[in-house]
Amino acid sequence: LRISQREAYREDNMSKKNKSHPSPWISWKSIVVAVVCCLAVTRLFLTQQQDQRHSNKKNNLASSADAASAAYCDTQHGTLFLNRCFCHPAHTGLFCTERSWIVNSHWIEATEHCPNLSRNITYDPNDDDGRYRYNCYYSESSGISQVPRAVWKDAQRQELNVWKGGTQTQDRADTHINSFANYEVLKHHVFGKTLEIGCGPWTQLRWIAHALEKQQRATTGTVLSWSLQHITLLEPNGENYMKQVPSCSYKDGKLLGKPITLLPIGGEDLLGHDHEFDTVISINVLDHVQDALRVLQNTYNSLKPGGVLIWHDRWFDSPLGCRSSKDYMGTTLHPIRPKFAVFSHFLTHFEPLYSRITVEHIDSNPAGVKCDGGSIYFIGRKKK
């Protein structure tokens, strides 16, 4: 019995000793794991710091290039758009100070009779010579992004003739709703003061409202028409649409049950509205304008920092192949054909909420010149 008691006592003491003094193997294992974890965290931190330095360096280089463009852009031969210089026809270089060609080497037949290309000033917005082909205004840096005002006015007259007297109630609204994924990303957006640029006879805002209200009908979310503080519609043909298009959505001066402010001007003349709007809508507009760079600049300026842009348009990286060489400016409904570089530069000033890009390759030109391009559907928040 005594022997059994002593053994039990000894085992009890050994057990207590082991508990108070863990095995050295467990201690060293814990230390190794801790060191490995520390090394992993340190490596992750250093990688993130390196990535941030590269990103800052890239942004600083871009900012430096933009600052240089703003300071040195030759505005006789280029347009300063969001601090980047985009050259006029027959001019090139970072600041548009270099002459490139007299006739367009990409398609000589289409531009051999372009009197503007033989002048020092190759783009004059006040030029009234309607004989120019749209190809005459092609720029290596921006595509066909600017045409004379007389050409734009002729295109606006044709646009009015297309719609007046008709019974149509929308312009491809269903396609846009589908391409914007039913505008679902906007279901909690407070529209506030809203501007639609180039609204046409029926607006896209009306169909955005219908799409969102359809989603919200079974919920208690905010309905769009309640979150609209005020509606401004910019449409150069707006007054004519109200009088001559029976189905015009705002012919009684209201839209979605709210009074509107109509600006019967082009987007190039949207001045004095900087940082005014919470939401700006521009869908399928640029091919109808006179100066896409100025319209995009004014679109950006009119939106408050943190405001939301709802935007869609098409680009053409080889716009000279998109029409026959016999297609004169005077008979063209959509003279503007910007390059992707214009859109890319514009959209870098927004934080994307939704983006969809489609690319098209068309070979329909009689001269065999390709017409490559695509479209962008984009919803984003203006960077502060």
Foldseek 3Di string as FASTA:
>chain_A
DVVVVVVVVVVVVVVVVCVVPPDPVVVVVVVVVVVVVVVVVVVVVVVVVVVVVVVVVVVVVVVVLLCVLVVQAPVLAFDQFSSFTFGWPQFDDRRRPHGHDLADPVDRLLGVPQVLSVDPRNADQQDQPQQAALCSGQGLRWGSQAHHPNLLVLLVVVLLVVAFPDDDQDDCLVVLCVVCVLVVLCLQPQFEEEEEAAQPQHGSVLVNQVSSCVVCVPHPHDRHLVSYNAYEYEALCHVVSLVGHVNRQCVVQDHPRHGYHYHNDHLLPLPPQFQPGQEYEYEAPSLSHRGNSSSLRSSLRNHHQQHKYWYKYKAWSQQVQVEESPRGSSPDNRSGHTHVSSVVVSPVQWAWPDKDKDWDWDQDYPVRDITTITMMGTMTTGHD
